[in-house]
Amino acid sequence: LIVLAAFVSPYKADRDNVRQLLDKDSKGDDESNSNTRRKNFIEVYVKADVETCEQRDPKGLYKRAKAGEIKNFTGISAPFESPENPELVLNTSNKSVEECL
């Protein structure tokens, strides 16, 4: 069974917690034996700078956030901690959808 789930997860601690919960070896133990461990959490960083996100924003949320109308907006008035070691990076600022697939 493969499940794909997409989340805005701006904080490293949150991503680390989910990874720790899901990355268990085949016996369900902790990560102590990396030879038998299967990866249940694969972090894919869909990377885009704020300018690119703003250009792609059909609802104008980035513009409203920059104007102060939306509080705690990730990347504008709330922080985003870039993943340090994701398994896959898709830089959508300089690649098309087709190139990322």
C-alpha atoms as a PDB file:
ATOM      1  CA  LEU A   1       0.000   0.000   0.000  1.00  0.00           C
ATOM      2  CA  ILE A   2       1.374   3.389  -0.993  1.00  0.00           C
ATOM      3  CA  VAL A   3      -0.146   6.583   0.326  1.00  0.00           C
ATOM      4  CA  LEU A   4       0.799  10.012  -0.954  1.00  0.00           C
ATOM      5  CA  ALA A   5      -0.046  12.916   1.304  1.00  0.00           C
ATOM      6  CA  ALA A   6       0.733  16.559   0.633  1.00  0.00           C
ATOM      7  CA  PHE A   7       0.970  19.042   3.473  1.00  0.00           C
ATOM      8  CA  VAL A   8       2.226  22.544   3.980  1.00  0.00           C
ATOM      9  CA  SER A   9       4.691  21.745   6.715  1.00  0.00           C
ATOM     10  CA  PRO A  10       6.833  24.809   7.322  1.00  0.00           C
ATOM     11  CA  TYR A  11       8.534  23.616  10.515  1.00  0.00           C
ATOM     12  CA  LYS A  12      11.410  21.131  10.613  1.00  0.00           C
ATOM     13  CA  ALA A  13      10.329  19.805  14.016  1.00  0.00           C
ATOM     14  CA  ASP A  14       6.914  18.808  12.651  1.00  0.00           C
ATOM     15  CA  ARG A  15       8.439  16.998   9.668  1.00  0.00           C
ATOM     16  CA  ASP A  16      10.963  15.269  11.942  1.00  0.00           C
ATOM     17  CA  ASN A  17       8.167  14.067  14.245  1.00  0.00           C
ATOM     18  CA  VAL A  18       6.230  12.532  11.356  1.00  0.00           C
ATOM     19  CA  ARG A  19       9.388  10.922   9.979  1.00  0.00           C
ATOM     20  CA  GLN A  20      10.148   9.410  13.383  1.00  0.00           C
ATOM     21  CA  LEU A  21       6.616   8.031  13.675  1.00  0.00           C
ATOM     22  CA  LEU A  22       6.642   6.448  10.225  1.00  0.00           C
ATOM     23  CA  ASP A  23      10.253   5.350   9.696  1.00  0.00           C
ATOM     24  CA  LYS A  24      10.230   2.018  11.468  1.00  0.00           C
ATOM     25  CA  ASP A  25      11.909  -1.204  10.460  1.00  0.00           C
ATOM     26  CA  SER A  26       9.909  -4.134   9.138  1.00  0.00           C
ATOM     27  CA  LYS A  27       9.461  -5.513  12.665  1.00  0.00           C
ATOM     28  CA  GLY A  28       8.042  -2.227  13.940  1.00  0.00           C
ATOM     29  CA  ASP A  29      11.065  -1.429  16.107  1.00  0.00           C
ATOM     30  CA  ASP A  30      12.892   1.864  16.216  1.00  0.00           C
ATOM     31  CA  GLU A  31      15.541   2.976  13.736  1.00  0.00           C
ATOM     32  CA  SER A  32      18.368   1.077  15.477  1.00  0.00           C
ATOM     33  CA  ASN A  33      18.964  -1.456  12.687  1.00  0.00           C
ATOM     34  CA  SER A  34      19.240   0.498   9.456  1.00  0.00           C
ATOM     35  CA  ASN A  35      19.944  -2.675   7.415  1.00  0.00           C
ATOM     36  CA  THR A  36      16.378  -3.948   7.829  1.00  0.00           C
ATOM     37  CA  ARG A  37      14.626  -0.619   7.986  1.00  0.00           C
ATOM     38  CA  ARG A  38      12.145   0.280   5.285  1.00  0.00           C
ATOM     39  CA  LYS A  39      11.415   3.890   4.550  1.00  0.00           C
ATOM     40  CA  ASN A  40       7.812   4.722   5.287  1.00  0.00           C
ATOM     41  CA  PHE A  41       8.379   8.468   5.039  1.00  0.00           C
ATOM     42  CA  ILE A  42       9.899   9.998   1.941  1.00  0.00           C
ATOM     43  CA  GLU A  43      10.188  13.763   2.056  1.00  0.00           C
ATOM     44  CA  VAL A  44       9.665  15.494  -1.272  1.00  0.00           C
ATOM     45  CA  TYR A  45      10.479  19.189  -1.212  1.00  0.00           C
ATOM     46  CA  VAL A  46       8.446  20.986  -3.869  1.00  0.00           C
ATOM     47  CA  LYS A  47      10.632  24.055  -3.897  1.00  0.00           C
ATOM     48  CA  ALA A  48       9.447  27.435  -5.157  1.00  0.00           C
ATOM     49  CA  ASP A  49      10.552  30.899  -4.144  1.00  0.00           C
ATOM     50  CA  VAL A  50       7.986  33.382  -2.859  1.00  0.00           C
ATOM     51  CA  GLU A  51       7.950  35.285  -6.150  1.00  0.00           C
ATOM     52  CA  THR A  52       7.051  32.121  -8.070  1.00  0.00           C
ATOM     53  CA  CYS A  53       4.322  31.237  -5.560  1.00  0.00           C
ATOM     54  CA  GLU A  54       2.936  34.750  -5.862  1.00  0.00           C
ATOM     55  CA  GLN A  55       2.839  34.504  -9.675  1.00  0.00           C
ATOM     56  CA  ARG A  56       0.960  31.184  -9.476  1.00  0.00           C
ATOM     57  CA  ASP A  57      -1.524  32.336  -6.840  1.00  0.00           C
ATOM     58  CA  PRO A  58      -4.990  32.481  -8.487  1.00  0.00           C
ATOM     59  CA  LYS A  59      -6.699  33.691  -5.283  1.00  0.00           C
ATOM     60  CA  GLY A  60      -4.295  36.549  -4.582  1.00  0.00           C
ATOM     61  CA  LEU A  61      -3.483  35.243  -1.091  1.00  0.00           C
ATOM     62  CA  TYR A  62       0.189  36.229  -1.243  1.00  0.00           C
ATOM     63  CA  LYS A  63      -0.728  39.770  -2.225  1.00  0.00           C
ATOM     64  CA  ARG A  64      -3.226  39.964   0.641  1.00  0.00           C
ATOM     65  CA  ALA A  65      -0.680  38.514   3.082  1.00  0.00           C
ATOM     66  CA  LYS A  66       1.931  41.077   1.996  1.00  0.00           C
ATOM     67  CA  ALA A  67      -0.671  43.808   2.558  1.00  0.00           C
ATOM     68  CA  GLY A  68      -1.196  42.514   6.101  1.00  0.00           C
ATOM     69  CA  GLU A  69      -4.717  41.251   5.471  1.00  0.00           C
ATOM     70  CA  ILE A  70      -3.781  37.619   6.234  1.00  0.00           C
ATOM     71  CA  LYS A  71      -1.773  36.914   9.383  1.00  0.00           C
ATOM     72  CA  ASN A  72       0.659  34.021   9.893  1.00  0.00           C
ATOM     73  CA  PHE A  73       0.988  33.286   6.191  1.00  0.00           C
ATOM     74  CA  THR A  74       3.841  30.857   5.510  1.00  0.00           C
ATOM     75  CA  GLY A  75       6.757  32.548   3.792  1.00  0.00           C
ATOM     76  CA  ILE A  76       5.407  36.066   4.319  1.00  0.00           C
ATOM     77  CA  SER A  77       4.507  36.734   7.959  1.00  0.00           C
ATOM     78  CA  ALA A  78       5.263  33.238   9.276  1.00  0.00           C
ATOM     79  CA  PRO A  79       8.519  31.319   8.884  1.00  0.00           C
ATOM     80  CA  PHE A  80       9.321  28.490   6.529  1.00  0.00           C
ATOM     81  CA  GLU A  81      12.209  26.204   7.459  1.00  0.00           C
ATOM     82  CA  SER A  82      13.509  24.593   4.278  1.00  0.00           C
ATOM     83  CA  PRO A  83      14.077  20.847   4.509  1.00  0.00           C
ATOM     84  CA  GLU A  84      17.742  20.055   5.175  1.00  0.00           C
ATOM     85  CA  ASN A  85      17.955  16.592   3.585  1.00  0.00           C
ATOM     86  CA  PRO A  86      14.806  15.707   1.658  1.00  0.00           C
ATOM     87  CA  GLU A  87      14.896  12.502  -0.365  1.00  0.00           C
ATOM     88  CA  LEU A  88      13.772  14.424  -3.450  1.00  0.00           C
ATOM     89  CA  VAL A  89      13.804  18.111  -4.409  1.00  0.00           C
ATOM     90  CA  LEU A  90      11.588  19.398  -7.216  1.00  0.00           C
ATOM     91  CA  ASN A  91      12.613  22.978  -7.919  1.00  0.00           C
ATOM     92  CA  THR A  92       9.481  24.292  -9.566  1.00  0.00           C
ATOM     93  CA  SER A  93      10.874  27.828  -9.783  1.00  0.00           C
ATOM     94  CA  ASN A  94      13.112  26.842 -12.675  1.00  0.00           C
ATOM     95  CA  LYS A  95      11.549  23.615 -13.983  1.00  0.00           C
ATOM     96  CA  SER A  96       8.237  22.900 -15.649  1.00  0.00           C
ATOM     97  CA  VAL A  97       5.698  20.404 -14.354  1.00  0.00           C
ATOM     98  CA  GLU A  98       6.764  18.017 -17.127  1.00  0.00           C
ATOM     99  CA  GLU A  99      10.434  18.269 -16.088  1.00  0.00           C
ATOM    100  CA  CYS A 100       9.523  17.551 -12.449  1.00  0.00           C
ATOM    101  CA  LEU A 101       7.625  14.392 -13.355  1.00  0.00           C
END
